[in-house]
């Protein structure tokens, strides 16, 4: 059982917060609205009740509250299933035992998340790129 709880999930499996990401056609091809979607993107956090300092069973919340949240964010990205006939560029990979294609999962610390946040905010707010 994972200690992480998903906060955001992009996938076409019916459980996502949004549709699956668009499939990259390569860095030389401009993305378009009608590009095929596939794979998944997931953000997960460690809930307070799974904090290493809090794992003491069913005891009530300690006086003074829970410790500060664990400062790590899990970012997962999965490609389309390797047996997908439309996976023409071969980006699906073959790592996913459950048919989800290749996968990568990384853990970011607070400083990395702050930099990612600042970069995404800059991207959203800019008029020129």
C-alpha atoms as a PDB file:
ATOM      1  CA  UNK A   1       0.000   0.000   0.000  1.00  0.00           C
ATOM      2  CA  UNK A   2       1.332   3.414  -0.975  1.00  0.00           C
ATOM      3  CA  UNK A   3       1.792   6.177   1.583  1.00  0.00           C
ATOM      4  CA  UNK A   4       1.004   8.688  -1.186  1.00  0.00           C
ATOM      5  CA  UNK A   5      -2.481   9.997  -1.977  1.00  0.00           C
ATOM      6  CA  UNK A   6      -3.240  11.205  -5.487  1.00  0.00           C
ATOM      7  CA  UNK A   7      -4.186  14.857  -5.693  1.00  0.00           C
ATOM      8  CA  UNK A   8      -4.261  15.178  -9.462  1.00  0.00           C
ATOM      9  CA  UNK A   9      -4.664  12.513 -12.122  1.00  0.00           C
ATOM     10  CA  UNK A  10      -4.896  12.944 -15.898  1.00  0.00           C
ATOM     11  CA  UNK A  11      -5.950   9.687 -17.581  1.00  0.00           C
ATOM     12  CA  UNK A  12      -8.556   8.165 -19.859  1.00  0.00           C
ATOM     13  CA  UNK A  13      -9.400   5.365 -17.434  1.00  0.00           C
ATOM     14  CA  UNK A  14     -12.543   7.036 -16.090  1.00  0.00           C
ATOM     15  CA  UNK A  15     -10.900   7.942 -12.759  1.00  0.00           C
ATOM     16  CA  UNK A  16      -8.997  11.056 -13.788  1.00  0.00           C
ATOM     17  CA  UNK A  17      -9.532  14.724 -12.981  1.00  0.00           C
ATOM     18  CA  UNK A  18      -8.922  15.502 -16.666  1.00  0.00           C
ATOM     19  CA  UNK A  19      -8.347  13.624 -19.922  1.00  0.00           C
ATOM     20  CA  UNK A  20      -5.026  11.920 -20.569  1.00  0.00           C
ATOM     21  CA  UNK A  21      -2.172  14.108 -21.837  1.00  0.00           C
ATOM     22  CA  UNK A  22      -1.604  14.416 -25.573  1.00  0.00           C
ATOM     23  CA  UNK A  23       0.892  11.961 -27.049  1.00  0.00           C
ATOM     24  CA  UNK A  24       4.116  13.596 -28.199  1.00  0.00           C
ATOM     25  CA  UNK A  25       4.806  13.092 -31.885  1.00  0.00           C
ATOM     26  CA  UNK A  26       8.442  14.106 -31.365  1.00  0.00           C
ATOM     27  CA  UNK A  27      10.187  17.385 -30.583  1.00  0.00           C
ATOM     28  CA  UNK A  28      10.113  18.351 -34.274  1.00  0.00           C
ATOM     29  CA  UNK A  29       6.284  18.237 -34.504  1.00  0.00           C
ATOM     30  CA  UNK A  30       4.069  21.053 -33.220  1.00  0.00           C
ATOM     31  CA  UNK A  31       1.344  19.820 -30.837  1.00  0.00           C
ATOM     32  CA  UNK A  32      -2.264  20.320 -31.952  1.00  0.00           C
ATOM     33  CA  UNK A  33      -5.720  20.111 -30.374  1.00  0.00           C
ATOM     34  CA  UNK A  34      -6.529  16.993 -32.388  1.00  0.00           C
ATOM     35  CA  UNK A  35      -3.413  15.039 -31.314  1.00  0.00           C
ATOM     36  CA  UNK A  36      -4.205  11.652 -29.838  1.00  0.00           C
ATOM     37  CA  UNK A  37      -4.295  11.343 -26.050  1.00  0.00           C
ATOM     38  CA  UNK A  38      -2.894   8.523 -23.947  1.00  0.00           C
ATOM     39  CA  UNK A  39      -0.910   7.621 -20.861  1.00  0.00           C
ATOM     40  CA  UNK A  40      -1.289   9.347 -17.518  1.00  0.00           C
ATOM     41  CA  UNK A  41       0.075  12.126 -15.319  1.00  0.00           C
ATOM     42  CA  UNK A  42      -0.317  11.915 -11.552  1.00  0.00           C
ATOM     43  CA  UNK A  43       0.607  14.104  -8.582  1.00  0.00           C
ATOM     44  CA  UNK A  44       0.627  12.514  -5.140  1.00  0.00           C
ATOM     45  CA  UNK A  45       1.340  13.717  -1.626  1.00  0.00           C
ATOM     46  CA  UNK A  46       1.896  12.046   1.733  1.00  0.00           C
ATOM     47  CA  UNK A  47      -1.195  12.757   3.869  1.00  0.00           C
ATOM     48  CA  UNK A  48      -0.643  13.871   7.464  1.00  0.00           C
ATOM     49  CA  UNK A  49      -1.956  10.560   8.833  1.00  0.00           C
ATOM     50  CA  UNK A  50       0.862   8.768   6.937  1.00  0.00           C
ATOM     51  CA  UNK A  51       3.567  11.139   8.194  1.00  0.00           C
ATOM     52  CA  UNK A  52       6.542   9.186   9.571  1.00  0.00           C
ATOM     53  CA  UNK A  53       6.086  10.928  12.935  1.00  0.00           C
ATOM     54  CA  UNK A  54       2.350  10.158  13.060  1.00  0.00           C
ATOM     55  CA  UNK A  55       2.145   6.451  12.305  1.00  0.00           C
ATOM     56  CA  UNK A  56       0.929   5.459  15.734  1.00  0.00           C
ATOM     57  CA  UNK A  57      -2.253   3.657  14.807  1.00  0.00           C
ATOM     58  CA  UNK A  58      -5.660   4.839  15.911  1.00  0.00           C
ATOM     59  CA  UNK A  59      -4.455   7.231  18.591  1.00  0.00           C
ATOM     60  CA  UNK A  60      -6.297  10.572  18.617  1.00  0.00           C
ATOM     61  CA  UNK A  61      -4.736  13.664  17.082  1.00  0.00           C
ATOM     62  CA  UNK A  62      -1.956  14.846  19.384  1.00  0.00           C
ATOM     63  CA  UNK A  63      -2.425  17.972  21.452  1.00  0.00           C
ATOM     64  CA  UNK A  64      -1.133  20.868  19.390  1.00  0.00           C
ATOM     65  CA  UNK A  65      -2.097  19.176  16.112  1.00  0.00           C
ATOM     66  CA  UNK A  66      -0.321  17.018  13.577  1.00  0.00           C
ATOM     67  CA  UNK A  67       3.290  17.621  12.589  1.00  0.00           C
ATOM     68  CA  UNK A  68       3.952  19.722   9.515  1.00  0.00           C
ATOM     69  CA  UNK A  69       3.181  17.932   6.241  1.00  0.00           C
ATOM     70  CA  UNK A  70       5.891  15.807   4.679  1.00  0.00           C
ATOM     71  CA  UNK A  71       7.551  18.070   2.125  1.00  0.00           C
ATOM     72  CA  UNK A  72       7.679  15.684  -0.843  1.00  0.00           C
ATOM     73  CA  UNK A  73       5.548  15.474  -3.959  1.00  0.00           C
ATOM     74  CA  UNK A  74       5.362  12.402  -6.187  1.00  0.00           C
ATOM     75  CA  UNK A  75       5.119  13.045  -9.926  1.00  0.00           C
ATOM     76  CA  UNK A  76       4.263  10.082 -12.118  1.00  0.00           C
ATOM     77  CA  UNK A  77       4.070   9.938 -15.899  1.00  0.00           C
ATOM     78  CA  UNK A  78       3.053   6.911 -17.928  1.00  0.00           C
ATOM     79  CA  UNK A  79       3.069   6.375 -21.666  1.00  0.00           C
ATOM     80  CA  UNK A  80       0.392   4.651 -23.714  1.00  0.00           C
ATOM     81  CA  UNK A  81       0.061   0.881 -23.587  1.00  0.00           C
ATOM     82  CA  UNK A  82       2.746  -0.855 -25.664  1.00  0.00           C
ATOM     83  CA  UNK A  83       0.170  -2.910 -27.526  1.00  0.00           C
ATOM     84  CA  UNK A  84      -1.665   0.232 -28.660  1.00  0.00           C
ATOM     85  CA  UNK A  85      -1.876  -0.039 -32.477  1.00  0.00           C
ATOM     86  CA  UNK A  86      -1.839   3.767 -32.774  1.00  0.00           C
ATOM     87  CA  UNK A  87       1.491   4.021 -30.932  1.00  0.00           C
ATOM     88  CA  UNK A  88       3.239   4.574 -34.245  1.00  0.00           C
ATOM     89  CA  UNK A  89       6.291   6.380 -32.906  1.00  0.00           C
ATOM     90  CA  UNK A  90       7.063   3.646 -30.361  1.00  0.00           C
ATOM     91  CA  UNK A  91       6.879   5.895 -27.286  1.00  0.00           C
ATOM     92  CA  UNK A  92       4.679   3.421 -25.408  1.00  0.00           C
ATOM     93  CA  UNK A  93       7.514   1.334 -24.067  1.00  0.00           C
ATOM     94  CA  UNK A  94       6.934  -1.993 -22.357  1.00  0.00           C
ATOM     95  CA  UNK A  95       7.463  -1.385 -18.648  1.00  0.00           C
ATOM     96  CA  UNK A  96       3.880  -1.334 -17.417  1.00  0.00           C
ATOM     97  CA  UNK A  97       2.845  -4.748 -16.123  1.00  0.00           C
ATOM     98  CA  UNK A  98      -0.761  -3.525 -16.040  1.00  0.00           C
ATOM     99  CA  UNK A  99      -0.811  -2.462 -19.687  1.00  0.00           C
ATOM    100  CA  UNK A 100      -0.189   1.226 -19.078  1.00  0.00           C
ATOM    101  CA  UNK A 101       3.035   1.437 -21.084  1.00  0.00           C
ATOM    102  CA  UNK A 102       6.309   2.906 -19.915  1.00  0.00           C
ATOM    103  CA  UNK A 103       6.388   4.737 -16.589  1.00  0.00           C
ATOM    104  CA  UNK A 104       8.525   7.206 -14.717  1.00  0.00           C
ATOM    105  CA  UNK A 105       7.933   8.316 -11.142  1.00  0.00           C
ATOM    106  CA  UNK A 106      10.030  10.898  -9.344  1.00  0.00           C
ATOM    107  CA  UNK A 107       9.888  12.503  -5.912  1.00  0.00           C
ATOM    108  CA  UNK A 108      10.340  16.269  -5.712  1.00  0.00           C
ATOM    109  CA  UNK A 109      11.291  18.152  -2.546  1.00  0.00           C
ATOM    110  CA  UNK A 110       9.763  21.480  -1.565  1.00  0.00           C
ATOM    111  CA  UNK A 111      12.440  23.608  -3.280  1.00  0.00           C
ATOM    112  CA  UNK A 112      11.922  21.726  -6.551  1.00  0.00           C
ATOM    113  CA  UNK A 113       8.143  22.084  -6.319  1.00  0.00           C
ATOM    114  CA  UNK A 114       8.523  25.826  -5.658  1.00  0.00           C
ATOM    115  CA  UNK A 115      10.695  26.158  -8.785  1.00  0.00           C
ATOM    116  CA  UNK A 116       8.226  24.106 -10.839  1.00  0.00           C
ATOM    117  CA  UNK A 117       5.356  26.255  -9.523  1.00  0.00           C
ATOM    118  CA  UNK A 118       7.175  29.494 -10.385  1.00  0.00           C
ATOM    119  CA  UNK A 119       8.017  28.217 -13.861  1.00  0.00           C
ATOM    120  CA  UNK A 120       4.456  27.069 -14.576  1.00  0.00           C
ATOM    121  CA  UNK A 121       3.080  30.379 -13.273  1.00  0.00           C
ATOM    122  CA  UNK A 122       5.487  32.287 -15.538  1.00  0.00           C
ATOM    123  CA  UNK A 123       4.397  30.138 -18.502  1.00  0.00           C
ATOM    124  CA  UNK A 124       0.719  30.761 -17.734  1.00  0.00           C
ATOM    125  CA  UNK A 125       1.162  34.508 -17.299  1.00  0.00           C
ATOM    126  CA  UNK A 126       3.410  35.336 -20.243  1.00  0.00           C
ATOM    127  CA  UNK A 127       2.187  36.874 -23.485  1.00  0.00           C
ATOM    128  CA  UNK A 128       5.285  35.779 -25.436  1.00  0.00           C
ATOM    129  CA  UNK A 129       7.299  32.600 -25.305  1.00  0.00           C
END
